[in-house]
Amino acid sequence: MTTERMGLSVDGYYLGVDGGGSKCRATLSTLNGELLGHGMGGPANPFQSISRAIESIETATAQAIANCGLDPIEVSRIYAGIGLAGVNLPIFYNAVCEWQHPYREMFLTTDLEIACIGAHDGNDGAVIVAGTGSCGYAMVNGKSTMCGAHGFPFGDKGSGAWMGLEAIKAVLLAADDLGPKTSLTEKITGQLDANGVSIVEKMAGGGSRRFAELAPAVIDAAEAGDTVATGIVESGAQYLSEVARKLWLNNPPRMSLLGGLRDRILPWMDASVVACLSPPVHEPDVGAVLFAHRELNKAANRSTDVARLQVG
């Protein structure tokens, strides 16, 4: 299949990759938008590990290619739009750009941008992400605004990783009789098979994904009425509501809540905020496909402009 865009001959496929702290999802499509296959990989946040992020992208890419019956050699015909957590920091953006990728072309951006592009079908809007990490992002009239995205453990309030860390703090305080008793003690010690200082030993050096695995237990305890767990979840939900209010100051036409905690944190957020949210049109990996499409068209336009200047 061959497509002519702005004088540039293009053939091949689009690949959209959404990489976060817990997993990496890839979607492969034809250049005319027909979805062909999906693939999954592990954590893909370069802030945690650049080598692991690249490995996860490669795994997700290979699965997407295999799932639609293409030969692995077709990877060289792919225009890849890749959105990753962590690349808002220049050092990690540059590190990924130095990767000798297998694609025909790679277009790199943050997971926030592709989430926003997907949620609003390429149009202006805003997103709040509540998953392993948390953040907010708006794109209005060509201007982007970001809230948070500082990474765990420096920020990411309201995220799964943040909830897990707050729960561990509460359990350790309770173990020393310096904090209120909580049902989180039984839940956390049971899930980790550790108690007291052994919890510290078990979680020392653990990345955001390991802490985020504790978040469902925190929300379960809050829903059951545990005071400590309720305080954690309410505090996180209030933060996400405040992020939404700040993003609304940019007058985005729509706003969506995304991420693995989306359904469970939504009931805890301010009702006035929830009432103004809209469901996402596409998931972030499809947003990455749309991003690749946009960037390739930009390249075609630049090529055409250069040709016109040379002729002139």
C-alpha atoms as a PDB file:
ATOM      1  CA  MET A   1       0.000   0.000   0.000  1.00  0.00           C
ATOM      2  CA  THR A   2       1.294   3.438  -0.936  1.00  0.00           C
ATOM      3  CA  THR A   3      -0.044   6.849   0.037  1.00  0.00           C
ATOM      4  CA  GLU A   4       0.892  10.254  -1.371  1.00  0.00           C
ATOM      5  CA  ARG A   5       0.938  13.003   1.272  1.00  0.00           C
ATOM      6  CA  MET A   6       1.918  16.560   0.359  1.00  0.00           C
ATOM      7  CA  GLY A   7       4.262  15.293  -2.332  1.00  0.00           C
ATOM      8  CA  LEU A   8       5.979  12.743  -0.084  1.00  0.00           C
ATOM      9  CA  SER A   9       5.627   9.076  -1.039  1.00  0.00           C
ATOM     10  CA  VAL A  10       4.798   7.034   2.058  1.00  0.00           C
ATOM     11  CA  ASP A  11       4.165   3.332   2.476  1.00  0.00           C
ATOM     12  CA  GLY A  12       4.082   1.043   5.478  1.00  0.00           C
ATOM     13  CA  TYR A  13       2.294   1.091   8.816  1.00  0.00           C
ATOM     14  CA  TYR A  14       1.658   3.221  11.861  1.00  0.00           C
ATOM     15  CA  LEU A  15       2.530   1.966  15.330  1.00  0.00           C
ATOM     16  CA  GLY A  16       1.280   3.666  18.474  1.00  0.00           C
ATOM     17  CA  VAL A  17       3.016   2.887  21.779  1.00  0.00           C
ATOM     18  CA  ASP A  18       1.800   3.939  25.215  1.00  0.00           C
ATOM     19  CA  GLY A  19       4.438   3.244  27.867  1.00  0.00           C
ATOM     20  CA  GLY A  20       3.912   3.780  31.593  1.00  0.00           C
ATOM     21  CA  GLY A  21       5.176   2.607  34.937  1.00  0.00           C
ATOM     22  CA  SER A  22       3.330  -0.722  34.886  1.00  0.00           C
ATOM     23  CA  LYS A  23       2.931  -1.736  31.257  1.00  0.00           C
ATOM     24  CA  CYS A  24       3.451  -0.885  27.625  1.00  0.00           C
ATOM     25  CA  ARG A  25       0.709  -1.231  25.006  1.00  0.00           C
ATOM     26  CA  ALA A  26       1.207  -1.042  21.256  1.00  0.00           C
ATOM     27  CA  THR A  27      -1.327  -0.723  18.439  1.00  0.00           C
ATOM     28  CA  LEU A  28      -0.478  -1.322  14.779  1.00  0.00           C
ATOM     29  CA  SER A  29      -2.549   0.122  11.939  1.00  0.00           C
ATOM     30  CA  THR A  30      -2.417   0.662   8.207  1.00  0.00           C
ATOM     31  CA  LEU A  31      -1.777   4.153   6.902  1.00  0.00           C
ATOM     32  CA  ASN A  32      -5.482   4.565   6.151  1.00  0.00           C
ATOM     33  CA  GLY A  33      -6.420   3.860   9.764  1.00  0.00           C
ATOM     34  CA  GLU A  34      -7.355   0.180   9.733  1.00  0.00           C
ATOM     35  CA  LEU A  35      -6.382  -1.393  13.071  1.00  0.00           C
ATOM     36  CA  LEU A  36      -4.357  -4.559  12.589  1.00  0.00           C
ATOM     37  CA  GLY A  37      -3.140  -5.786  15.977  1.00  0.00           C
ATOM     38  CA  HIS A  38      -2.131  -5.067  19.545  1.00  0.00           C
ATOM     39  CA  GLY A  39       0.838  -5.998  21.701  1.00  0.00           C
ATOM     40  CA  MET A  40       1.761  -5.755  25.367  1.00  0.00           C
ATOM     41  CA  GLY A  41       5.041  -5.275  27.175  1.00  0.00           C
ATOM     42  CA  GLY A  42       6.235  -4.600  30.698  1.00  0.00           C
ATOM     43  CA  PRO A  43       7.030  -1.285  32.408  1.00  0.00           C
ATOM     44  CA  ALA A  44       8.229   1.390  29.986  1.00  0.00           C
ATOM     45  CA  ASN A  45       9.100   4.435  32.044  1.00  0.00           C
ATOM     46  CA  PRO A  46      12.730   5.451  31.300  1.00  0.00           C
ATOM     47  CA  PHE A  47      12.816   7.246  34.657  1.00  0.00           C
ATOM     48  CA  GLN A  48      12.776   3.787  36.259  1.00  0.00           C
ATOM     49  CA  SER A  49      15.011   2.010  33.724  1.00  0.00           C
ATOM     50  CA  ILE A  50      15.905   3.009  30.185  1.00  0.00           C
ATOM     51  CA  SER A  51      16.931  -0.513  29.185  1.00  0.00           C
ATOM     52  CA  ARG A  52      13.729  -1.998  30.605  1.00  0.00           C
ATOM     53  CA  ALA A  53      11.632   0.628  28.815  1.00  0.00           C
ATOM     54  CA  ILE A  54      13.240  -0.174  25.458  1.00  0.00           C
ATOM     55  CA  GLU A  55      12.869  -3.913  26.072  1.00  0.00           C
ATOM     56  CA  SER A  56       9.156  -3.421  26.810  1.00  0.00           C
ATOM     57  CA  ILE A  57       8.654  -1.348  23.655  1.00  0.00           C
ATOM     58  CA  GLU A  58      10.377  -4.021  21.584  1.00  0.00           C
ATOM     59  CA  THR A  59       8.240  -6.759  23.149  1.00  0.00           C
ATOM     60  CA  ALA A  60       4.984  -4.867  22.548  1.00  0.00           C
ATOM     61  CA  THR A  61       6.020  -4.082  18.972  1.00  0.00           C
ATOM     62  CA  ALA A  62       6.892  -7.709  18.206  1.00  0.00           C
ATOM     63  CA  GLN A  63       3.563  -8.908  19.633  1.00  0.00           C
ATOM     64  CA  ALA A  64       1.569  -6.369  17.622  1.00  0.00           C
ATOM     65  CA  ILE A  65       3.320  -7.455  14.428  1.00  0.00           C
ATOM     66  CA  ALA A  66       2.864 -11.149  15.194  1.00  0.00           C
ATOM     67  CA  ASN A  67      -0.795 -10.764  16.183  1.00  0.00           C
ATOM     68  CA  CYS A  68      -1.728  -9.479  12.743  1.00  0.00           C
ATOM     69  CA  GLY A  69       0.276 -12.119  10.900  1.00  0.00           C
ATOM     70  CA  LEU A  70       2.973  -9.856   9.488  1.00  0.00           C
ATOM     71  CA  ASP A  71       6.578 -10.888   8.992  1.00  0.00           C
ATOM     72  CA  PRO A  72       8.906  -9.434  11.672  1.00  0.00           C
ATOM     73  CA  ILE A  73      10.882  -7.750   8.883  1.00  0.00           C
ATOM     74  CA  GLU A  74       7.908  -5.398   8.436  1.00  0.00           C
ATOM     75  CA  VAL A  75       9.107  -3.460  11.493  1.00  0.00           C
ATOM     76  CA  SER A  76      11.368  -1.535   9.094  1.00  0.00           C
ATOM     77  CA  ARG A  77       8.264  -0.134   7.370  1.00  0.00           C
ATOM     78  CA  ILE A  78       6.729   1.242  10.562  1.00  0.00           C
ATOM     79  CA  TYR A  79       6.273   4.893  11.470  1.00  0.00           C
ATOM     80  CA  ALA A  80       6.165   4.725  15.260  1.00  0.00           C
ATOM     81  CA  GLY A  81       4.519   7.253  17.530  1.00  0.00           C
ATOM     82  CA  ILE A  82       5.814   6.562  21.038  1.00  0.00           C
ATOM     83  CA  GLY A  83       4.502   8.220  24.179  1.00  0.00           C
ATOM     84  CA  LEU A  84       6.352   7.431  27.399  1.00  0.00           C
ATOM     85  CA  ALA A  85       6.098   8.435  31.015  1.00  0.00           C
ATOM     86  CA  GLY A  86       9.269  10.134  32.211  1.00  0.00           C
ATOM     87  CA  VAL A  87      10.371  11.709  28.923  1.00  0.00           C
ATOM     88  CA  ASN A  88       9.105  15.102  30.060  1.00  0.00           C
ATOM     89  CA  LEU A  89      12.567  15.178  31.687  1.00  0.00           C
ATOM     90  CA  PRO A  90      15.105  16.069  28.949  1.00  0.00           C
ATOM     91  CA  ILE A  91      17.734  13.577  30.121  1.00  0.00           C
ATOM     92  CA  PHE A  92      15.373  10.650  29.523  1.00  0.00           C
ATOM     93  CA  TYR A  93      13.933  12.097  26.313  1.00  0.00           C
ATOM     94  CA  ASN A  94      17.435  12.367  24.888  1.00  0.00           C
ATOM     95  CA  ALA A  95      18.365   8.875  26.086  1.00  0.00           C
ATOM     96  CA  VAL A  96      15.419   7.307  24.243  1.00  0.00           C
ATOM     97  CA  CYS A  97      16.181   9.366  21.130  1.00  0.00           C
ATOM     98  CA  GLU A  98      19.664   7.826  21.102  1.00  0.00           C
ATOM     99  CA  TRP A  99      18.161   4.322  20.878  1.00  0.00           C
ATOM    100  CA  GLN A 100      18.977   2.626  17.576  1.00  0.00           C
ATOM    101  CA  HIS A 101      15.338   1.761  16.963  1.00  0.00           C
ATOM    102  CA  PRO A 102      14.236  -0.655  14.211  1.00  0.00           C
ATOM    103  CA  TYR A 103      11.494   1.553  12.736  1.00  0.00           C
ATOM    104  CA  ARG A 104      11.517   3.552   9.532  1.00  0.00           C
ATOM    105  CA  GLU A 105      10.905   6.626  11.677  1.00  0.00           C
ATOM    106  CA  MET A 106      10.235   7.200  15.380  1.00  0.00           C
ATOM    107  CA  PHE A 107       8.337  10.171  16.792  1.00  0.00           C
ATOM    108  CA  LEU A 108       8.741  10.509  20.564  1.00  0.00           C
ATOM    109  CA  THR A 109       6.634  12.444  23.048  1.00  0.00           C
ATOM    110  CA  THR A 110       5.179  12.126  26.536  1.00  0.00           C
ATOM    111  CA  ASP A 111       2.472   9.678  27.510  1.00  0.00           C
ATOM    112  CA  LEU A 112       0.405  12.738  28.454  1.00  0.00           C
ATOM    113  CA  GLU A 113       0.361  14.139  24.938  1.00  0.00           C
ATOM    114  CA  ILE A 114      -0.710  10.887  23.315  1.00  0.00           C
ATOM    115  CA  ALA A 115      -3.339  10.389  26.048  1.00  0.00           C
ATOM    116  CA  CYS A 116      -4.768  13.830  25.271  1.00  0.00           C
ATOM    117  CA  ILE A 117      -4.652  13.272  21.511  1.00  0.00           C
ATOM    118  CA  GLY A 118      -6.448   9.950  21.871  1.00  0.00           C
ATOM    119  CA  ALA A 119      -9.016  11.085  24.420  1.00  0.00           C
ATOM    120  CA  HIS A 120     -10.171  13.929  22.182  1.00  0.00           C
ATOM    121  CA  ASP A 121      -9.613  12.344  18.748  1.00  0.00           C
ATOM    122  CA  GLY A 122      -6.785  14.725  17.913  1.00  0.00           C
ATOM    123  CA  ASN A 123      -8.655  17.847  18.988  1.00  0.00           C
ATOM    124  CA  ASP A 124      -7.998  20.258  21.864  1.00  0.00           C
ATOM    125  CA  GLY A 125      -8.783  19.051  25.373  1.00  0.00           C
ATOM    126  CA  ALA A 126      -7.389  18.044  28.738  1.00  0.00           C
ATOM    127  CA  VAL A 127      -6.708  14.794  30.571  1.00  0.00           C
ATOM    128  CA  ILE A 128      -6.067  13.712  34.132  1.00  0.00           C
ATOM    129  CA  VAL A 129      -4.188  10.441  34.503  1.00  0.00           C
ATOM    130  CA  ALA A 130      -4.650   8.337  37.625  1.00  0.00           C
ATOM    131  CA  GLY A 131      -2.710   5.107  37.267  1.00  0.00           C
ATOM    132  CA  THR A 132       0.664   3.968  38.557  1.00  0.00           C
ATOM    133  CA  GLY A 133       1.500   7.681  38.488  1.00  0.00           C
ATOM    134  CA  SER A 134      -0.673  10.784  38.240  1.00  0.00           C
ATOM    135  CA  CYS A 135      -0.617  14.025  36.290  1.00  0.00           C
ATOM    136  CA  GLY A 136      -2.696  16.487  34.328  1.00  0.00           C
ATOM    137  CA  TYR A 137      -2.282  17.886  30.824  1.00  0.00           C
ATOM    138  CA  ALA A 138      -4.142  20.284  28.559  1.00  0.00           C
ATOM    139  CA  MET A 139      -3.636  21.278  24.932  1.00  0.00           C
ATOM    140  CA  VAL A 140      -5.559  24.366  23.825  1.00  0.00           C
ATOM    141  CA  ASN A 141      -4.826  26.467  20.736  1.00  0.00           C
ATOM    142  CA  GLY A 142      -1.366  24.975  20.366  1.00  0.00           C
ATOM    143  CA  LYS A 143      -0.370  25.676  23.976  1.00  0.00           C
ATOM    144  CA  SER A 144       0.257  22.822  26.395  1.00  0.00           C
ATOM    145  CA  THR A 145      -0.114  22.981  30.183  1.00  0.00           C
ATOM    146  CA  MET A 146       1.135  20.267  32.545  1.00  0.00           C
ATOM    147  CA  CYS A 147       0.312  19.672  36.207  1.00  0.00           C
ATOM    148  CA  GLY A 148       2.393  17.280  38.257  1.00  0.00           C
ATOM    149  CA  ALA A 149       4.317  14.603  36.330  1.00  0.00           C
ATOM    150  CA  HIS A 150       7.140  14.868  38.873  1.00  0.00           C
ATOM    151  CA  GLY A 151       7.426  11.110  39.234  1.00  0.00           C
ATOM    152  CA  PHE A 152       7.318   8.790  42.213  1.00  0.00           C
ATOM    153  CA  PRO A 153       8.190   9.331  45.051  1.00  0.00           C
ATOM    154  CA  PHE A 154       8.588  13.086  44.480  1.00  0.00           C
ATOM    155  CA  GLY A 155       4.996  13.637  43.380  1.00  0.00           C
ATOM    156  CA  ASP A 156       2.221  11.613  41.729  1.00  0.00           C
ATOM    157  CA  LYS A 157      -0.289  12.269  44.508  1.00  0.00           C
ATOM    158  CA  GLY A 158      -3.524  10.394  43.935  1.00  0.00           C
ATOM    159  CA  SER A 159      -1.739   7.652  41.990  1.00  0.00           C
ATOM    160  CA  GLY A 160      -1.536   3.968  42.784  1.00  0.00           C
ATOM    161  CA  ALA A 161       2.118   4.231  43.780  1.00  0.00           C
ATOM    162  CA  TRP A 162       1.386   7.169  46.097  1.00  0.00           C
ATOM    163  CA  MET A 163      -1.493   5.294  47.744  1.00  0.00           C
ATOM    164  CA  GLY A 164       0.698   2.258  48.310  1.00  0.00           C
ATOM    165  CA  LEU A 165       3.439   4.336  49.919  1.00  0.00           C
ATOM    166  CA  GLU A 166       0.982   6.212  52.144  1.00  0.00           C
ATOM    167  CA  ALA A 167      -0.532   2.921  53.244  1.00  0.00           C
ATOM    168  CA  ILE A 168       2.861   1.514  54.211  1.00  0.00           C
ATOM    169  CA  LYS A 169       3.632   4.661  56.216  1.00  0.00           C
ATOM    170  CA  ALA A 170       0.333   4.282  58.074  1.00  0.00           C
ATOM    171  CA  VAL A 171       0.918   0.591  58.792  1.00  0.00           C
ATOM    172  CA  LEU A 172       4.403   1.269  60.158  1.00  0.00           C
ATOM    173  CA  LEU A 173       3.128   4.066  62.405  1.00  0.00           C
ATOM    174  CA  ALA A 174       0.400   1.789  63.721  1.00  0.00           C
ATOM    175  CA  ALA A 175       2.965  -0.954  64.385  1.00  0.00           C
ATOM    176  CA  ASP A 176       4.897   1.458  66.634  1.00  0.00           C
ATOM    177  CA  ASP A 177       1.695   2.636  68.366  1.00  0.00           C
ATOM    178  CA  LEU A 178       2.329   6.107  66.958  1.00  0.00           C
ATOM    179  CA  GLY A 179      -0.623   6.100  64.610  1.00  0.00           C
ATOM    180  CA  PRO A 180      -4.221   4.850  64.601  1.00  0.00           C
ATOM    181  CA  LYS A 181      -5.004   1.184  64.165  1.00  0.00           C
ATOM    182  CA  THR A 182      -6.119   0.318  60.660  1.00  0.00           C
ATOM    183  CA  SER A 183      -7.339  -2.664  58.694  1.00  0.00           C
ATOM    184  CA  LEU A 184      -4.572  -1.804  56.238  1.00  0.00           C
ATOM    185  CA  THR A 185      -2.183  -3.598  58.590  1.00  0.00           C
ATOM    186  CA  GLU A 186      -3.777  -6.952  57.884  1.00  0.00           C
ATOM    187  CA  LYS A 187      -4.219  -6.234  54.175  1.00  0.00           C
ATOM    188  CA  ILE A 188      -0.682  -4.943  53.554  1.00  0.00           C
ATOM    189  CA  THR A 189       1.129  -7.476  55.730  1.00  0.00           C
ATOM    190  CA  GLY A 190      -0.867 -10.258  54.105  1.00  0.00           C
ATOM    191  CA  GLN A 191      -0.160  -9.087  50.567  1.00  0.00           C
ATOM    192  CA  LEU A 192       3.552  -8.582  51.245  1.00  0.00           C
ATOM    193  CA  ASP A 193       3.938 -11.530  53.616  1.00  0.00           C
ATOM    194  CA  ALA A 194       5.880  -9.207  55.919  1.00  0.00           C
ATOM    195  CA  ASN A 195       5.256  -7.039  58.961  1.00  0.00           C
ATOM    196  CA  GLY A 196       6.931  -4.205  60.851  1.00  0.00           C
ATOM    197  CA  VAL A 197      10.456  -3.456  59.743  1.00  0.00           C
ATOM    198  CA  SER A 198      10.293  -6.462  57.403  1.00  0.00           C
ATOM    199  CA  ILE A 199       7.976  -4.383  55.224  1.00  0.00           C
ATOM    200  CA  VAL A 200      10.746  -1.824  54.804  1.00  0.00           C
ATOM    201  CA  GLU A 201      13.176  -4.554  53.859  1.00  0.00           C
ATOM    202  CA  LYS A 202      10.680  -6.013  51.394  1.00  0.00           C
ATOM    203  CA  MET A 203       9.899  -2.714  49.660  1.00  0.00           C
ATOM    204  CA  ALA A 204      13.309  -1.009  49.825  1.00  0.00           C
ATOM    205  CA  GLY A 205      14.344  -0.017  46.333  1.00  0.00           C
ATOM    206  CA  GLY A 206      10.970  -0.997  44.931  1.00  0.00           C
ATOM    207  CA  GLY A 207       9.763   1.003  41.955  1.00  0.00           C
ATOM    208  CA  SER A 208       6.422   2.688  41.511  1.00  0.00           C
ATOM    209  CA  ARG A 209       4.844  -0.441  40.078  1.00  0.00           C
ATOM    210  CA  ARG A 210       5.432  -2.434  43.287  1.00  0.00           C
ATOM    211  CA  PHE A 211       3.864   0.273  45.424  1.00  0.00           C
ATOM    212  CA  ALA A 212       0.948   0.674  43.005  1.00  0.00           C
ATOM    213  CA  GLU A 213       0.104  -3.008  43.434  1.00  0.00           C
ATOM    214  CA  LEU A 214      -1.049  -2.118  46.955  1.00  0.00           C
ATOM    215  CA  ALA A 215      -3.533   0.535  45.813  1.00  0.00           C
ATOM    216  CA  PRO A 216      -6.538  -1.777  45.309  1.00  0.00           C
ATOM    217  CA  ALA A 217      -6.223  -2.928  48.922  1.00  0.00           C
ATOM    218  CA  VAL A 218      -6.209   0.711  50.077  1.00  0.00           C
ATOM    219  CA  ILE A 219      -9.369   1.524  48.128  1.00  0.00           C
ATOM    220  CA  ASP A 220     -11.018  -1.709  49.324  1.00  0.00           C
ATOM    221  CA  ALA A 221     -10.340  -0.694  52.922  1.00  0.00           C
ATOM    222  CA  ALA A 222     -11.657   2.819  52.301  1.00  0.00           C
ATOM    223  CA  GLU A 223     -14.845   1.466  50.736  1.00  0.00           C
ATOM    224  CA  ALA A 224     -15.258  -0.739  53.825  1.00  0.00           C
ATOM    225  CA  GLY A 225     -15.066   2.344  56.054  1.00  0.00           C
ATOM    226  CA  ASP A 226     -11.510   2.195  57.398  1.00  0.00           C
ATOM    227  CA  THR A 227     -10.710   5.715  58.630  1.00  0.00           C
ATOM    228  CA  VAL A 228      -7.019   5.693  57.720  1.00  0.00           C
ATOM    229  CA  ALA A 229      -7.602   4.289  54.241  1.00  0.00           C
ATOM    230  CA  THR A 230     -10.460   6.717  53.692  1.00  0.00           C
ATOM    231  CA  GLY A 231      -8.167   9.612  54.553  1.00  0.00           C
ATOM    232  CA  ILE A 232      -5.585   8.437  52.020  1.00  0.00           C
ATOM    233  CA  VAL A 233      -8.075   7.969  49.193  1.00  0.00           C
ATOM    234  CA  GLU A 234      -9.935  11.208  49.933  1.00  0.00           C
ATOM    235  CA  SER A 235      -6.684  13.172  49.965  1.00  0.00           C
ATOM    236  CA  GLY A 236      -5.606  11.693  46.629  1.00  0.00           C
ATOM    237  CA  ALA A 237      -9.020  12.266  45.053  1.00  0.00           C
ATOM    238  CA  GLN A 238      -9.086  15.860  46.283  1.00  0.00           C
ATOM    239  CA  TYR A 239      -5.707  16.477  44.679  1.00  0.00           C
ATOM    240  CA  LEU A 240      -6.952  15.117  41.344  1.00  0.00           C
ATOM    241  CA  SER A 241     -10.019  17.356  41.603  1.00  0.00           C
ATOM    242  CA  GLU A 242      -7.768  20.362  42.161  1.00  0.00           C
ATOM    243  CA  VAL A 243      -5.703  19.375  39.114  1.00  0.00           C
ATOM    244  CA  ALA A 244      -8.923  19.326  37.081  1.00  0.00           C
ATOM    245  CA  ARG A 245      -9.871  22.807  38.294  1.00  0.00           C
ATOM    246  CA  LYS A 246      -6.470  24.167  37.356  1.00  0.00           C
ATOM    247  CA  LEU A 247      -6.689  22.640  33.875  1.00  0.00           C
ATOM    248  CA  TRP A 248     -10.146  24.139  33.359  1.00  0.00           C
ATOM    249  CA  LEU A 249      -8.545  27.594  33.610  1.00  0.00           C
ATOM    250  CA  ASN A 250      -7.136  26.901  30.127  1.00  0.00           C
ATOM    251  CA  ASN A 251     -10.707  26.537  28.779  1.00  0.00           C
ATOM    252  CA  PRO A 252     -10.294  23.106  27.160  1.00  0.00           C
ATOM    253  CA  PRO A 253     -13.444  22.052  25.251  1.00  0.00           C
ATOM    254  CA  ARG A 254     -13.450  18.667  27.010  1.00  0.00           C
ATOM    255  CA  MET A 255     -11.637  16.819  29.786  1.00  0.00           C
ATOM    256  CA  SER A 256     -11.252  13.099  30.468  1.00  0.00           C
ATOM    257  CA  LEU A 257     -10.026  10.983  33.372  1.00  0.00           C
ATOM    258  CA  LEU A 258      -7.711   8.139  32.347  1.00  0.00           C
ATOM    259  CA  GLY A 259      -5.562   5.457  33.951  1.00  0.00           C
ATOM    260  CA  GLY A 260      -5.883   2.174  35.767  1.00  0.00           C
ATOM    261  CA  LEU A 261      -7.496   3.780  38.839  1.00  0.00           C
ATOM    262  CA  ARG A 262     -10.019   5.743  36.776  1.00  0.00           C
ATOM    263  CA  ASP A 263     -13.132   3.801  37.765  1.00  0.00           C
ATOM    264  CA  ARG A 264     -12.186   3.373  41.418  1.00  0.00           C
ATOM    265  CA  ILE A 265     -11.063   6.943  42.171  1.00  0.00           C
ATOM    266  CA  LEU A 266     -13.918   8.633  40.282  1.00  0.00           C
ATOM    267  CA  PRO A 267     -16.528   8.174  43.074  1.00  0.00           C
ATOM    268  CA  TRP A 268     -14.181   9.899  45.537  1.00  0.00           C
ATOM    269  CA  MET A 269     -13.598  13.026  43.456  1.00  0.00           C
ATOM    270  CA  ASP A 270     -15.660  16.207  43.788  1.00  0.00           C
ATOM    271  CA  ALA A 271     -19.072  15.774  42.180  1.00  0.00           C
ATOM    272  CA  SER A 272     -18.834  19.157  40.447  1.00  0.00           C
ATOM    273  CA  VAL A 273     -15.638  18.024  38.713  1.00  0.00           C
ATOM    274  CA  VAL A 274     -16.950  14.578  37.796  1.00  0.00           C
ATOM    275  CA  ALA A 275     -20.051  16.124  36.205  1.00  0.00           C
ATOM    276  CA  CYS A 276     -17.858  18.011  33.728  1.00  0.00           C
ATOM    277  CA  LEU A 277     -15.752  15.045  32.606  1.00  0.00           C
ATOM    278  CA  SER A 278     -16.222  13.374  29.241  1.00  0.00           C
ATOM    279  CA  PRO A 279     -15.367   9.772  28.316  1.00  0.00           C
ATOM    280  CA  PRO A 280     -12.212   9.380  26.214  1.00  0.00           C
ATOM    281  CA  VAL A 281     -12.786   8.808  22.494  1.00  0.00           C
ATOM    282  CA  HIS A 282      -9.712   6.549  22.178  1.00  0.00           C
ATOM    283  CA  GLU A 283      -7.179   4.984  24.500  1.00  0.00           C
ATOM    284  CA  PRO A 284      -3.631   6.459  24.591  1.00  0.00           C
ATOM    285  CA  ASP A 285      -2.087   3.845  22.271  1.00  0.00           C
ATOM    286  CA  VAL A 286      -4.493   4.923  19.533  1.00  0.00           C
ATOM    287  CA  GLY A 287      -3.576   8.498  20.410  1.00  0.00           C
ATOM    288  CA  ALA A 288       0.030   7.523  19.684  1.00  0.00           C
ATOM    289  CA  VAL A 289      -1.036   6.292  16.238  1.00  0.00           C
ATOM    290  CA  LEU A 290      -2.709   9.657  15.605  1.00  0.00           C
ATOM    291  CA  PHE A 291       0.446  11.397  16.852  1.00  0.00           C
ATOM    292  CA  ALA A 292       2.593   9.449  14.357  1.00  0.00           C
ATOM    293  CA  HIS A 293       0.142  10.382  11.592  1.00  0.00           C
ATOM    294  CA  ARG A 294       0.368  14.065  12.545  1.00  0.00           C
ATOM    295  CA  GLU A 295       4.163  14.083  12.765  1.00  0.00           C
ATOM    296  CA  LEU A 296       4.546  12.315   9.428  1.00  0.00           C
ATOM    297  CA  ASN A 297       2.307  14.898   7.782  1.00  0.00           C
ATOM    298  CA  LYS A 298       4.439  17.650   9.318  1.00  0.00           C
ATOM    299  CA  ALA A 299       7.516  16.034   7.801  1.00  0.00           C
ATOM    300  CA  ALA A 300       5.758  15.899   4.443  1.00  0.00           C
ATOM    301  CA  ASN A 301       4.866  19.577   4.671  1.00  0.00           C
ATOM    302  CA  ARG A 302       8.455  20.492   5.503  1.00  0.00           C
ATOM    303  CA  SER A 303       9.676  18.433   2.558  1.00  0.00           C
ATOM    304  CA  THR A 304       7.248  20.213   0.246  1.00  0.00           C
ATOM    305  CA  ASP A 305       8.266  23.642   1.559  1.00  0.00           C
ATOM    306  CA  VAL A 306      11.960  22.862   0.990  1.00  0.00           C
ATOM    307  CA  ALA A 307      11.223  21.669  -2.548  1.00  0.00           C
ATOM    308  CA  ARG A 308       9.316  24.867  -3.308  1.00  0.00           C
ATOM    309  CA  LEU A 309      12.180  26.988  -1.998  1.00  0.00           C
ATOM    310  CA  GLN A 310      14.662  25.087  -4.160  1.00  0.00           C
ATOM    311  CA  VAL A 311      12.499  25.526  -7.244  1.00  0.00           C
ATOM    312  CA  GLY A 312      12.023  29.209  -6.459  1.00  0.00           C
END
